[in-house]
């Protein structure tokens, strides 16, 4: 008696066995070309934290933010926003701390008054995955201020 195995099964079955055994040698592009989802083979972050800078003034504003990751690495972000506009930056959830370093306005980068108190948001206490750190610049030059809130 002769058994017939479809060609698709001869390709897919070894890949499934290798994946279940934890074999990292499968190319995700190959899985996608065979009709599977290549995304399922890639480690993706659990979500994002969004840094939203809203400029409610008529002048150009730049906000410098220091992002500290859980592994100790840092990412400096300089977020420039035109008058009466906004800009958003997304970070993976492995953020330990967000710190507003400075805020300036105009092309000469004049300083803006930052809110009193701590300007950093610790990941474990103040902001978590799926949340938004809102930084709003308000006022009329030269009396601009920064307001922050976590949503």
Protein backbone atom coordinates (compact mmCIF):
# COMPACT_ATOMS: atom_id res chain seq x y z
CA UNK A 1 0.00 0.00 0.00
CA UNK A 2 1.36 3.39 -0.92
CA UNK A 3 0.76 6.58 1.14
CA UNK A 4 0.58 9.98 -0.48
CA UNK A 5 1.71 13.02 1.51
CA UNK A 6 0.91 16.42 0.02
CA UNK A 7 3.91 18.60 -0.81
CA UNK A 8 2.68 21.38 1.47
CA UNK A 9 2.70 19.02 4.45
CA UNK A 10 6.31 18.01 3.75
CA UNK A 11 7.36 21.66 4.05
CA UNK A 12 5.02 22.90 6.77
CA UNK A 13 5.28 19.90 9.12
CA UNK A 14 9.07 20.14 9.67
CA UNK A 15 8.73 23.89 10.21
CA UNK A 16 6.03 23.38 12.83
CA UNK A 17 8.11 20.74 14.63
CA UNK A 18 11.19 23.00 14.57
CA UNK A 19 9.16 25.95 15.88
CA UNK A 20 7.64 23.91 18.72
CA UNK A 21 11.11 22.70 19.69
CA UNK A 22 12.32 26.29 19.91
CA UNK A 23 14.50 26.26 16.81
CA UNK A 24 15.50 29.86 16.07
CA UNK A 25 16.84 28.97 12.63
CA UNK A 26 13.62 29.56 10.71
CA UNK A 27 13.66 32.68 8.58
CA UNK A 28 10.46 34.71 9.23
CA UNK A 29 10.43 35.78 5.56
CA UNK A 30 10.19 32.13 4.54
CA UNK A 31 7.18 31.63 6.80
CA UNK A 32 5.52 34.66 5.22
CA UNK A 33 6.19 33.41 1.70
CA UNK A 34 4.56 30.10 2.55
CA UNK A 35 1.39 31.86 3.67
CA UNK A 36 2.01 32.06 7.42
CA UNK A 37 2.39 35.14 9.55
CA UNK A 38 6.05 36.19 9.83
CA UNK A 39 5.17 38.51 12.73
CA UNK A 40 4.40 35.60 15.07
CA UNK A 41 8.04 34.47 14.86
CA UNK A 42 9.43 37.86 15.94
CA UNK A 43 9.65 39.11 19.52
CA UNK A 44 7.60 42.31 19.65
CA UNK A 45 7.21 44.79 22.49
CA UNK A 46 4.15 44.56 24.71
CA UNK A 47 3.00 48.08 23.78
CA UNK A 48 4.01 51.70 23.69
CA UNK A 49 4.27 54.82 25.77
CA UNK A 50 3.47 57.97 23.81
CA UNK A 51 5.12 61.34 24.43
CA UNK A 52 2.76 64.02 23.09
CA UNK A 53 3.93 67.63 22.81
CA UNK A 54 1.16 70.17 22.15
CA UNK A 55 2.10 73.74 21.27
CA UNK A 56 -0.77 76.14 22.00
CA UNK A 57 1.34 79.19 21.15
CA UNK A 58 1.93 80.92 17.79
CA UNK A 59 5.71 80.34 17.88
CA UNK A 60 8.03 77.39 17.24
CA UNK A 61 8.71 75.29 20.37
CA UNK A 62 11.35 72.62 21.04
CA UNK A 63 11.10 70.23 24.00
CA UNK A 64 14.12 68.07 24.89
CA UNK A 65 13.22 64.80 26.63
CA UNK A 66 15.64 62.20 28.02
CA UNK A 67 14.28 58.63 27.89
CA UNK A 68 15.99 56.12 30.18
CA UNK A 69 15.39 52.46 29.32
CA UNK A 70 15.24 49.57 31.82
CA UNK A 71 18.63 48.32 30.60
CA UNK A 72 20.22 51.68 31.54
CA UNK A 73 20.48 53.04 28.02
CA UNK A 74 19.33 56.57 27.28
CA UNK A 75 17.69 58.15 24.27
CA UNK A 76 17.70 61.93 23.90
CA UNK A 77 14.66 63.24 22.01
CA UNK A 78 14.40 66.78 20.68
CA UNK A 79 10.77 67.32 19.72
CA UNK A 80 10.17 70.42 17.60
CA UNK A 81 6.58 71.64 17.18
CA UNK A 82 5.33 74.51 15.02
CA UNK A 83 2.88 77.03 16.46
CA UNK A 84 -0.62 75.75 17.20
CA UNK A 85 0.34 72.17 16.38
CA UNK A 86 1.46 68.95 18.07
CA UNK A 87 3.94 66.11 17.67
CA UNK A 88 3.99 62.60 19.15
CA UNK A 89 6.81 60.11 19.73
CA UNK A 90 6.27 56.48 20.70
CA UNK A 91 8.61 54.46 22.92
CA UNK A 92 8.51 50.75 23.76
CA UNK A 93 7.27 49.91 27.24
CA UNK A 94 10.77 49.21 28.54
CA UNK A 95 10.99 52.84 29.72
CA UNK A 96 12.25 53.35 33.25
CA UNK A 97 12.10 57.15 33.31
CA UNK A 98 11.12 60.13 31.16
CA UNK A 99 12.70 63.49 31.96
CA UNK A 100 11.99 66.90 30.45
CA UNK A 101 15.48 68.37 30.13
CA UNK A 102 14.54 71.76 28.71
CA UNK A 103 11.99 73.59 26.61
CA UNK A 104 12.76 76.49 24.30
CA UNK A 105 10.91 78.68 21.80
CA UNK A 106 11.78 80.48 18.58
CA UNK A 107 14.69 79.87 16.26
CA UNK A 108 17.05 81.41 18.85
CA UNK A 109 15.87 78.72 21.33
CA UNK A 110 14.96 81.05 24.19
CA UNK A 111 14.20 79.17 27.46
CA UNK A 112 10.66 78.40 28.57
CA UNK A 113 9.68 78.22 32.24
CA UNK A 114 9.32 74.60 33.27
CA UNK A 115 6.76 73.53 35.88
CA UNK A 116 7.96 73.52 39.51
CA UNK A 117 8.76 70.22 41.13
CA UNK A 118 10.09 67.00 39.66
CA UNK A 119 10.33 67.03 35.89
CA UNK A 120 10.84 63.30 35.56
CA UNK A 121 8.24 60.57 35.42
CA UNK A 122 9.38 57.19 36.75
CA UNK A 123 8.08 54.19 34.82
CA UNK A 124 7.15 52.17 37.88
CA UNK A 125 5.06 54.85 39.54
CA UNK A 126 3.90 57.52 37.11
CA UNK A 127 3.61 56.10 33.61
CA UNK A 128 3.07 52.65 32.19
CA UNK A 129 2.43 50.77 29.00
CA UNK A 130 -0.38 52.23 26.91
CA UNK A 131 -0.28 55.62 28.60
CA UNK A 132 0.45 59.09 27.21
CA UNK A 133 2.76 61.71 28.69
CA UNK A 134 1.22 65.00 27.60
CA UNK A 135 3.51 68.04 27.50
CA UNK A 136 1.58 71.24 26.72
CA UNK A 137 3.24 74.61 26.05
CA UNK A 138 0.95 77.58 26.78
CA UNK A 139 1.19 81.36 27.06
CA UNK A 140 2.31 84.30 24.98
CA UNK A 141 6.01 84.91 24.25
CA UNK A 142 8.08 85.63 26.24
CA UNK A 143 5.91 84.26 29.09
CA UNK A 144 5.55 80.61 28.08
CA UNK A 145 5.12 77.72 30.50
CA UNK A 146 5.04 73.93 30.26
CA UNK A 147 2.28 71.80 31.74
CA UNK A 148 2.54 68.01 32.04
CA UNK A 149 -0.03 65.30 32.64
CA UNK A 150 -0.18 61.52 32.30
CA UNK A 151 -3.24 59.90 30.71
